[in-house]
Amino acid sequence: MPVESVVSCRFQPAEPMAAFDAAATDIECHYCRRARHNAHISGSRPVANVRRMRHSTLMRTIYIDCEGAESADEVWQRYVDAVNPENAAVFGRNLDAFWDAVEHGGPGWPGPVKLVFLHSQRLAALRTRNGLSLFAGLRQIADEATQTSIELA
């Protein structure tokens, strides 16, 4: 397997890599999806085997409670309040803006976290500006996102 140099990856583990056992030293970076050794941070050793890191080990979890939300705007406000992202003022507060944030690091990017939308089934009754169910839109984003872990609970 060819070894690529570390170019620009936002990978930042929540724990020092030394905390992982020897079997877990070879990983796949969650952000750039390139195979990396645990020395990814220092950029030194080549990769032998690839293993994906678990979100629960490396990322903090942010909960967005959707219970009682009466509009899509209220859900987006709860997202911004919970995540407190940089550029929150320019976050578009719609599904397209959310996709850009979680997949491409655009305004509203939550950082290296796992997002859990609590009571999300209640969002099925809420409609976005284009008439789509907010729950259906979030479900699609959760299913397709590769850069941010999103759970609808």
N, C-alpha and C. Protein backbone atom coordinates (compact mmCIF):
# COMPACT_ATOMS: atom_id res chain seq x y z
N MET A 1 0.85 -1.17 0.00
CA MET A 1 0.00 0.00 0.00
C MET A 1 0.89 1.23 0.00
N PRO A 2 0.68 2.15 -0.96
CA PRO A 2 1.51 3.36 -0.96
C PRO A 2 1.18 4.25 0.23
N VAL A 3 2.18 4.92 0.70
CA VAL A 3 2.00 5.80 1.86
C VAL A 3 1.92 7.23 1.36
N GLU A 4 0.84 7.91 1.71
CA GLU A 4 0.67 9.30 1.32
C GLU A 4 1.15 10.20 2.45
N SER A 5 1.63 11.36 2.10
CA SER A 5 2.03 12.29 3.16
C SER A 5 0.79 12.97 3.72
N VAL A 6 0.90 13.41 4.94
CA VAL A 6 -0.21 14.11 5.58
C VAL A 6 -0.27 15.50 4.96
N VAL A 7 -1.40 15.82 4.36
CA VAL A 7 -1.51 17.11 3.71
C VAL A 7 -2.26 18.08 4.61
N SER A 8 -3.57 17.96 4.66
CA SER A 8 -4.34 18.86 5.53
C SER A 8 -5.51 18.09 6.10
N CYS A 9 -5.31 17.51 7.23
CA CYS A 9 -6.35 16.74 7.89
C CYS A 9 -6.63 17.39 9.22
N ARG A 10 -7.93 17.48 9.58
CA ARG A 10 -8.31 18.10 10.84
C ARG A 10 -8.41 17.08 11.96
N PHE A 11 -7.81 15.92 11.80
CA PHE A 11 -7.93 14.85 12.78
C PHE A 11 -7.29 15.26 14.10
N GLN A 12 -8.07 15.25 15.15
CA GLN A 12 -7.57 15.56 16.49
C GLN A 12 -8.20 14.59 17.47
N PRO A 13 -7.47 13.60 17.95
CA PRO A 13 -8.08 12.66 18.89
C PRO A 13 -8.37 13.32 20.23
N ALA A 14 -9.40 12.83 20.90
CA ALA A 14 -9.75 13.35 22.21
C ALA A 14 -8.81 12.81 23.28
N GLU A 15 -8.16 11.69 22.99
CA GLU A 15 -7.23 11.07 23.92
C GLU A 15 -5.87 10.94 23.24
N PRO A 16 -4.79 10.90 23.99
CA PRO A 16 -3.49 10.66 23.37
C PRO A 16 -3.49 9.29 22.70
N MET A 17 -2.82 9.20 21.58
CA MET A 17 -2.79 7.94 20.84
C MET A 17 -2.18 6.82 21.68
N ALA A 18 -1.35 7.14 22.65
CA ALA A 18 -0.74 6.12 23.49
C ALA A 18 -1.79 5.36 24.30
N ALA A 19 -2.98 5.94 24.41
CA ALA A 19 -4.04 5.30 25.18
C ALA A 19 -4.61 4.08 24.45
N PHE A 20 -4.32 3.96 23.15
CA PHE A 20 -4.82 2.84 22.38
C PHE A 20 -3.88 1.65 22.50
N ASP A 21 -4.44 0.45 22.52
CA ASP A 21 -3.60 -0.74 22.61
C ASP A 21 -2.89 -0.98 21.29
N ALA A 22 -1.93 -1.87 21.29
CA ALA A 22 -1.10 -2.12 20.12
C ALA A 22 -1.92 -2.58 18.92
N ALA A 23 -3.01 -3.32 19.14
CA ALA A 23 -3.84 -3.81 18.04
C ALA A 23 -4.58 -2.67 17.36
N ALA A 24 -4.71 -1.55 18.01
CA ALA A 24 -5.47 -0.44 17.46
C ALA A 24 -4.57 0.67 16.92
N THR A 25 -3.31 0.36 16.67
CA THR A 25 -2.41 1.43 16.25
C THR A 25 -2.60 1.83 14.80
N ASP A 26 -3.11 0.97 13.96
CA ASP A 26 -3.29 1.32 12.56
C ASP A 26 -4.75 1.68 12.34
N ILE A 27 -4.96 2.87 11.83
CA ILE A 27 -6.31 3.41 11.75
C ILE A 27 -6.58 4.04 10.41
N GLU A 28 -7.82 4.38 10.16
CA GLU A 28 -8.19 5.19 9.02
C GLU A 28 -8.66 6.52 9.57
N CYS A 29 -8.14 7.58 9.04
CA CYS A 29 -8.52 8.89 9.52
C CYS A 29 -9.98 9.14 9.21
N HIS A 30 -10.75 9.56 10.21
CA HIS A 30 -12.18 9.81 10.05
C HIS A 30 -12.44 10.96 9.09
N TYR A 31 -11.54 11.92 9.00
CA TYR A 31 -11.79 13.09 8.18
C TYR A 31 -11.33 12.94 6.74
N CYS A 32 -10.11 12.54 6.52
CA CYS A 32 -9.64 12.50 5.14
C CYS A 32 -9.78 11.12 4.52
N ARG A 33 -10.18 10.12 5.31
CA ARG A 33 -10.40 8.74 4.83
C ARG A 33 -9.15 8.12 4.21
N ARG A 34 -8.01 8.65 4.58
CA ARG A 34 -6.77 8.03 4.12
C ARG A 34 -6.24 7.15 5.23
N ALA A 35 -5.63 6.07 4.85
CA ALA A 35 -5.07 5.17 5.85
C ALA A 35 -3.90 5.87 6.52
N ARG A 36 -3.87 5.80 7.83
CA ARG A 36 -2.79 6.43 8.60
C ARG A 36 -2.42 5.55 9.77
N HIS A 37 -1.19 5.63 10.16
CA HIS A 37 -0.72 4.97 11.36
C HIS A 37 -1.03 5.89 12.53
N ASN A 38 -0.92 5.40 13.74
CA ASN A 38 -1.20 6.27 14.88
C ASN A 38 -0.26 7.46 14.94
N ALA A 39 0.79 7.43 14.17
CA ALA A 39 1.72 8.55 14.12
C ALA A 39 1.21 9.63 13.16
N HIS A 40 -0.05 9.52 12.77
CA HIS A 40 -0.67 10.50 11.89
C HIS A 40 -0.40 11.93 12.37
N ILE A 41 -0.49 12.10 13.67
CA ILE A 41 -0.29 13.44 14.22
C ILE A 41 1.14 13.91 13.96
N SER A 42 2.12 13.03 14.16
CA SER A 42 3.50 13.42 13.92
C SER A 42 3.93 13.16 12.48
N GLY A 43 3.16 12.34 11.76
CA GLY A 43 3.41 12.09 10.35
C GLY A 43 4.65 11.28 10.06
N SER A 44 4.94 10.25 10.85
CA SER A 44 6.21 9.56 10.64
C SER A 44 6.11 8.18 10.01
N ARG A 45 5.40 7.21 10.60
CA ARG A 45 5.48 5.82 10.15
C ARG A 45 4.47 5.46 9.07
N PRO A 46 4.81 4.48 8.22
CA PRO A 46 3.88 4.03 7.19
C PRO A 46 2.78 3.14 7.77
N VAL A 47 1.77 2.89 6.96
CA VAL A 47 0.62 2.10 7.37
C VAL A 47 0.83 0.63 7.03
N ALA A 48 0.44 -0.23 7.93
CA ALA A 48 0.47 -1.67 7.66
C ALA A 48 -0.95 -2.17 7.45
N ASN A 49 -1.77 -2.12 8.49
CA ASN A 49 -3.16 -2.54 8.42
C ASN A 49 -4.04 -1.33 8.72
N VAL A 50 -5.25 -1.37 8.22
CA VAL A 50 -6.15 -0.24 8.43
C VAL A 50 -7.30 -0.67 9.32
N ARG A 51 -7.63 0.18 10.26
CA ARG A 51 -8.76 -0.07 11.15
C ARG A 51 -9.41 1.27 11.47
N ARG A 52 -10.72 1.36 11.33
CA ARG A 52 -11.41 2.61 11.61
C ARG A 52 -11.56 2.82 13.11
N MET A 53 -11.36 4.05 13.55
CA MET A 53 -11.53 4.38 14.95
C MET A 53 -13.01 4.47 15.28
N ARG A 54 -13.34 4.15 16.49
CA ARG A 54 -14.72 4.29 16.94
C ARG A 54 -14.97 5.71 17.37
N HIS A 55 -16.14 6.24 16.99
CA HIS A 55 -16.49 7.61 17.36
C HIS A 55 -16.50 7.79 18.88
N SER A 56 -17.03 6.81 19.58
CA SER A 56 -17.18 6.96 21.03
C SER A 56 -15.84 7.08 21.72
N THR A 57 -14.78 6.54 21.12
CA THR A 57 -13.47 6.60 21.72
C THR A 57 -12.82 7.95 21.49
N LEU A 58 -13.05 8.53 20.33
CA LEU A 58 -12.28 9.70 19.93
C LEU A 58 -13.03 11.02 19.94
N MET A 59 -14.34 10.98 19.91
CA MET A 59 -15.08 12.22 19.76
C MET A 59 -16.06 12.43 20.89
N ARG A 60 -16.26 13.69 21.21
CA ARG A 60 -17.29 13.98 22.19
C ARG A 60 -18.64 13.96 21.49
N THR A 61 -19.68 13.77 22.24
CA THR A 61 -21.02 13.70 21.70
C THR A 61 -21.79 14.94 22.10
N ILE A 62 -22.48 15.53 21.13
CA ILE A 62 -23.33 16.69 21.40
C ILE A 62 -24.77 16.26 21.15
N TYR A 63 -25.63 16.53 22.13
CA TYR A 63 -27.04 16.16 22.04
C TYR A 63 -27.86 17.39 21.71
N ILE A 64 -28.72 17.25 20.72
CA ILE A 64 -29.66 18.29 20.35
C ILE A 64 -31.05 17.74 20.67
N ASP A 65 -31.69 18.31 21.67
CA ASP A 65 -33.00 17.82 22.10
C ASP A 65 -34.08 18.49 21.26
N CYS A 66 -34.81 17.68 20.50
CA CYS A 66 -35.84 18.19 19.59
C CYS A 66 -37.24 18.15 20.19
N GLU A 67 -37.35 17.69 21.42
CA GLU A 67 -38.68 17.59 22.03
C GLU A 67 -39.30 18.97 22.17
N GLY A 68 -40.54 19.09 21.73
CA GLY A 68 -41.27 20.33 21.83
C GLY A 68 -40.95 21.35 20.76
N ALA A 69 -40.04 21.03 19.84
CA ALA A 69 -39.72 21.97 18.77
C ALA A 69 -40.95 22.12 17.86
N GLU A 70 -41.34 23.35 17.60
CA GLU A 70 -42.55 23.60 16.82
C GLU A 70 -42.26 24.07 15.40
N SER A 71 -41.00 24.27 15.07
CA SER A 71 -40.65 24.68 13.70
C SER A 71 -39.22 24.23 13.40
N ALA A 72 -38.92 24.19 12.10
CA ALA A 72 -37.56 23.86 11.69
C ALA A 72 -36.59 24.93 12.19
N ASP A 73 -37.02 26.18 12.18
CA ASP A 73 -36.15 27.26 12.68
C ASP A 73 -35.77 27.04 14.14
N GLU A 74 -36.72 26.53 14.92
CA GLU A 74 -36.44 26.27 16.34
C GLU A 74 -35.43 25.13 16.49
N VAL A 75 -35.52 24.12 15.63
CA VAL A 75 -34.56 23.01 15.67
C VAL A 75 -33.17 23.53 15.34
N TRP A 76 -33.06 24.37 14.30
CA TRP A 76 -31.74 24.90 13.93
C TRP A 76 -31.18 25.78 15.03
N GLN A 77 -32.04 26.53 15.72
CA GLN A 77 -31.56 27.34 16.83
C GLN A 77 -31.03 26.45 17.95
N ARG A 78 -31.70 25.33 18.20
CA ARG A 78 -31.23 24.39 19.23
C ARG A 78 -29.89 23.78 18.82
N TYR A 79 -29.74 23.50 17.51
CA TYR A 79 -28.46 22.98 17.00
C TYR A 79 -27.35 24.01 17.27
N VAL A 80 -27.58 25.25 16.89
CA VAL A 80 -26.57 26.30 17.08
C VAL A 80 -26.26 26.49 18.57
N ASP A 81 -27.29 26.47 19.41
CA ASP A 81 -27.08 26.63 20.85
C ASP A 81 -26.26 25.48 21.43
N ALA A 82 -26.52 24.26 20.98
CA ALA A 82 -25.82 23.08 21.51
C ALA A 82 -24.38 23.00 20.99
N VAL A 83 -24.19 23.29 19.71
CA VAL A 83 -22.88 23.13 19.08
C VAL A 83 -22.00 24.35 19.31
N ASN A 84 -22.59 25.54 19.31
CA ASN A 84 -21.87 26.79 19.45
C ASN A 84 -20.72 26.87 18.43
N PRO A 85 -21.05 26.75 17.14
CA PRO A 85 -20.00 26.71 16.12
C PRO A 85 -19.45 28.10 15.81
N GLU A 86 -18.23 28.10 15.26
CA GLU A 86 -17.70 29.34 14.71
C GLU A 86 -18.59 29.69 13.52
N ASN A 87 -18.70 30.93 13.20
CA ASN A 87 -19.51 31.39 12.07
C ASN A 87 -20.98 31.05 12.23
N ALA A 88 -21.47 30.95 13.45
CA ALA A 88 -22.88 30.63 13.68
C ALA A 88 -23.80 31.68 13.06
N ALA A 89 -23.34 32.91 13.01
CA ALA A 89 -24.17 33.99 12.47
C ALA A 89 -24.43 33.82 10.98
N VAL A 90 -23.54 33.13 10.26
CA VAL A 90 -23.73 32.94 8.82
C VAL A 90 -24.20 31.53 8.47
N PHE A 91 -24.46 30.70 9.48
CA PHE A 91 -25.01 29.36 9.24
C PHE A 91 -26.43 29.52 8.70
N GLY A 92 -26.73 28.89 7.57
CA GLY A 92 -27.99 29.09 6.86
C GLY A 92 -29.24 28.54 7.51
N ARG A 93 -29.10 27.68 8.52
CA ARG A 93 -30.23 27.14 9.26
C ARG A 93 -31.25 26.45 8.36
N ASN A 94 -30.75 25.57 7.50
CA ASN A 94 -31.59 24.73 6.67
C ASN A 94 -30.80 23.46 6.36
N LEU A 95 -31.43 22.50 5.70
CA LEU A 95 -30.77 21.22 5.43
C LEU A 95 -29.54 21.37 4.55
N ASP A 96 -29.59 22.24 3.55
CA ASP A 96 -28.42 22.44 2.68
C ASP A 96 -27.25 23.01 3.47
N ALA A 97 -27.52 23.98 4.32
CA ALA A 97 -26.46 24.57 5.13
C ALA A 97 -25.91 23.55 6.13
N PHE A 98 -26.80 22.72 6.68
CA PHE A 98 -26.37 21.69 7.62
C PHE A 98 -25.45 20.69 6.91
N TRP A 99 -25.83 20.27 5.70
CA TRP A 99 -24.99 19.36 4.91
C TRP A 99 -23.61 19.99 4.67
N ASP A 100 -23.59 21.24 4.25
CA ASP A 100 -22.31 21.92 4.02
C ASP A 100 -21.47 21.98 5.29
N ALA A 101 -22.13 22.19 6.42
CA ALA A 101 -21.40 22.27 7.69
C ALA A 101 -20.82 20.93 8.08
N VAL A 102 -21.63 19.87 8.09
CA VAL A 102 -21.16 18.58 8.61
C VAL A 102 -20.30 17.82 7.61
N GLU A 103 -20.49 18.06 6.33
CA GLU A 103 -19.72 17.31 5.34
C GLU A 103 -18.52 18.07 4.79
N HIS A 104 -18.62 19.40 4.74
CA HIS A 104 -17.56 20.19 4.10
C HIS A 104 -16.93 21.23 5.02
N GLY A 105 -17.33 21.25 6.30
CA GLY A 105 -16.72 22.18 7.23
C GLY A 105 -17.15 23.63 7.04
N GLY A 106 -18.32 23.83 6.43
CA GLY A 106 -18.82 25.17 6.19
C GLY A 106 -19.32 25.83 7.47
N PRO A 107 -19.91 27.03 7.35
CA PRO A 107 -20.45 27.71 8.53
C PRO A 107 -21.40 26.79 9.30
N GLY A 108 -21.23 26.75 10.60
CA GLY A 108 -22.04 25.86 11.43
C GLY A 108 -21.37 24.52 11.69
N TRP A 109 -20.11 24.35 11.20
CA TRP A 109 -19.39 23.09 11.40
C TRP A 109 -19.28 22.80 12.90
N PRO A 110 -19.71 21.59 13.32
CA PRO A 110 -19.69 21.28 14.74
C PRO A 110 -18.33 20.87 15.28
N GLY A 111 -17.35 20.68 14.42
CA GLY A 111 -16.05 20.18 14.86
C GLY A 111 -16.07 18.67 14.87
N PRO A 112 -15.01 18.05 15.37
CA PRO A 112 -14.93 16.58 15.39
C PRO A 112 -15.79 16.01 16.52
N VAL A 113 -17.07 15.89 16.27
CA VAL A 113 -18.02 15.43 17.28
C VAL A 113 -18.99 14.42 16.67
N LYS A 114 -19.73 13.78 17.55
CA LYS A 114 -20.87 12.97 17.14
C LYS A 114 -22.11 13.76 17.52
N LEU A 115 -23.02 13.95 16.57
CA LEU A 115 -24.25 14.68 16.83
C LEU A 115 -25.38 13.68 17.06
N VAL A 116 -26.13 13.86 18.14
CA VAL A 116 -27.28 13.01 18.42
C VAL A 116 -28.50 13.91 18.56
N PHE A 117 -29.46 13.73 17.66
CA PHE A 117 -30.71 14.47 17.73
C PHE A 117 -31.70 13.64 18.53
N LEU A 118 -31.97 14.07 19.77
CA LEU A 118 -32.90 13.35 20.64
C LEU A 118 -34.34 13.69 20.26
N HIS A 119 -35.24 12.72 20.44
CA HIS A 119 -36.65 12.87 20.10
C HIS A 119 -36.83 13.28 18.65
N SER A 120 -35.98 12.78 17.78
CA SER A 120 -35.98 13.20 16.38
C SER A 120 -37.23 12.75 15.62
N GLN A 121 -37.87 11.67 16.05
CA GLN A 121 -39.07 11.20 15.35
C GLN A 121 -40.16 12.27 15.34
N ARG A 122 -40.12 13.17 16.29
CA ARG A 122 -41.11 14.25 16.35
C ARG A 122 -40.91 15.27 15.23
N LEU A 123 -39.77 15.22 14.57
CA LEU A 123 -39.49 16.15 13.49
C LEU A 123 -40.19 15.77 12.19
N ALA A 124 -40.80 14.59 12.15
CA ALA A 124 -41.51 14.15 10.94
C ALA A 124 -42.67 15.09 10.62
N ALA A 125 -43.25 15.70 11.63
CA ALA A 125 -44.39 16.61 11.43
C ALA A 125 -43.94 17.99 10.97
N LEU A 126 -42.66 18.31 11.14
CA LEU A 126 -42.16 19.63 10.75
C LEU A 126 -41.72 19.62 9.30
N ARG A 127 -42.03 20.67 8.60
CA ARG A 127 -41.69 20.79 7.19
C ARG A 127 -40.62 21.86 7.00
N THR A 128 -39.74 21.60 6.05
CA THR A 128 -38.73 22.60 5.69
C THR A 128 -39.38 23.58 4.72
N ARG A 129 -38.65 24.59 4.32
CA ARG A 129 -39.20 25.61 3.41
C ARG A 129 -39.61 25.04 2.06
N ASN A 130 -38.98 23.93 1.65
CA ASN A 130 -39.35 23.32 0.37
C ASN A 130 -40.37 22.20 0.53
N GLY A 131 -40.94 22.04 1.73
CA GLY A 131 -42.01 21.06 1.95
C GLY A 131 -41.56 19.69 2.39
N LEU A 132 -40.26 19.43 2.43
CA LEU A 132 -39.72 18.14 2.86
C LEU A 132 -39.84 18.00 4.38
N SER A 133 -40.10 16.80 4.84
CA SER A 133 -40.10 16.54 6.28
C SER A 133 -38.69 16.76 6.82
N LEU A 134 -38.58 17.50 7.90
CA LEU A 134 -37.28 17.75 8.50
C LEU A 134 -36.62 16.44 8.92
N PHE A 135 -37.41 15.51 9.45
CA PHE A 135 -36.87 14.22 9.86
C PHE A 135 -36.30 13.48 8.66
N ALA A 136 -37.03 13.46 7.54
CA ALA A 136 -36.55 12.76 6.34
C ALA A 136 -35.25 13.38 5.83
N GLY A 137 -35.17 14.69 5.87
CA GLY A 137 -33.95 15.36 5.42
C GLY A 137 -32.77 15.05 6.32
N LEU A 138 -32.99 15.09 7.63
CA LEU A 138 -31.91 14.75 8.57
C LEU A 138 -31.52 13.29 8.44
N ARG A 139 -32.49 12.40 8.23
CA ARG A 139 -32.19 10.98 8.05
C ARG A 139 -31.29 10.78 6.84
N GLN A 140 -31.60 11.45 5.74
CA GLN A 140 -30.79 11.32 4.53
C GLN A 140 -29.37 11.82 4.78
N ILE A 141 -29.24 12.95 5.45
CA ILE A 141 -27.92 13.49 5.75
C ILE A 141 -27.16 12.54 6.68
N ALA A 142 -27.84 12.02 7.70
CA ALA A 142 -27.20 11.09 8.64
C ALA A 142 -26.70 9.85 7.91
N ASP A 143 -27.48 9.36 6.94
CA ASP A 143 -27.10 8.17 6.19
C ASP A 143 -25.93 8.43 5.24
N GLU A 144 -25.86 9.63 4.67
CA GLU A 144 -24.86 9.91 3.65
C GLU A 144 -23.61 10.61 4.16
N ALA A 145 -23.66 11.17 5.34
CA ALA A 145 -22.50 11.92 5.86
C ALA A 145 -21.32 10.99 6.11
N THR A 146 -20.15 11.45 5.70
CA THR A 146 -18.92 10.67 5.92
C THR A 146 -17.96 11.39 6.86
N GLN A 147 -18.16 12.67 7.08
CA GLN A 147 -17.22 13.45 7.88
C GLN A 147 -17.66 13.66 9.33
N THR A 148 -18.95 13.57 9.58
CA THR A 148 -19.50 13.77 10.91
C THR A 148 -20.48 12.65 11.21
N SER A 149 -20.39 12.08 12.39
CA SER A 149 -21.33 11.04 12.79
C SER A 149 -22.61 11.71 13.29
N ILE A 150 -23.74 11.28 12.72
CA ILE A 150 -25.03 11.86 13.08
C ILE A 150 -25.99 10.71 13.41
N GLU A 151 -26.61 10.82 14.58
CA GLU A 151 -27.56 9.80 15.01
C GLU A 151 -28.90 10.46 15.29
N LEU A 152 -29.96 9.84 14.80
CA LEU A 152 -31.31 10.31 15.11
C LEU A 152 -31.90 9.35 16.13
N ALA A 153 -32.11 9.84 17.34
CA ALA A 153 -32.58 8.98 18.43
C ALA A 153 -33.97 9.38 18.87
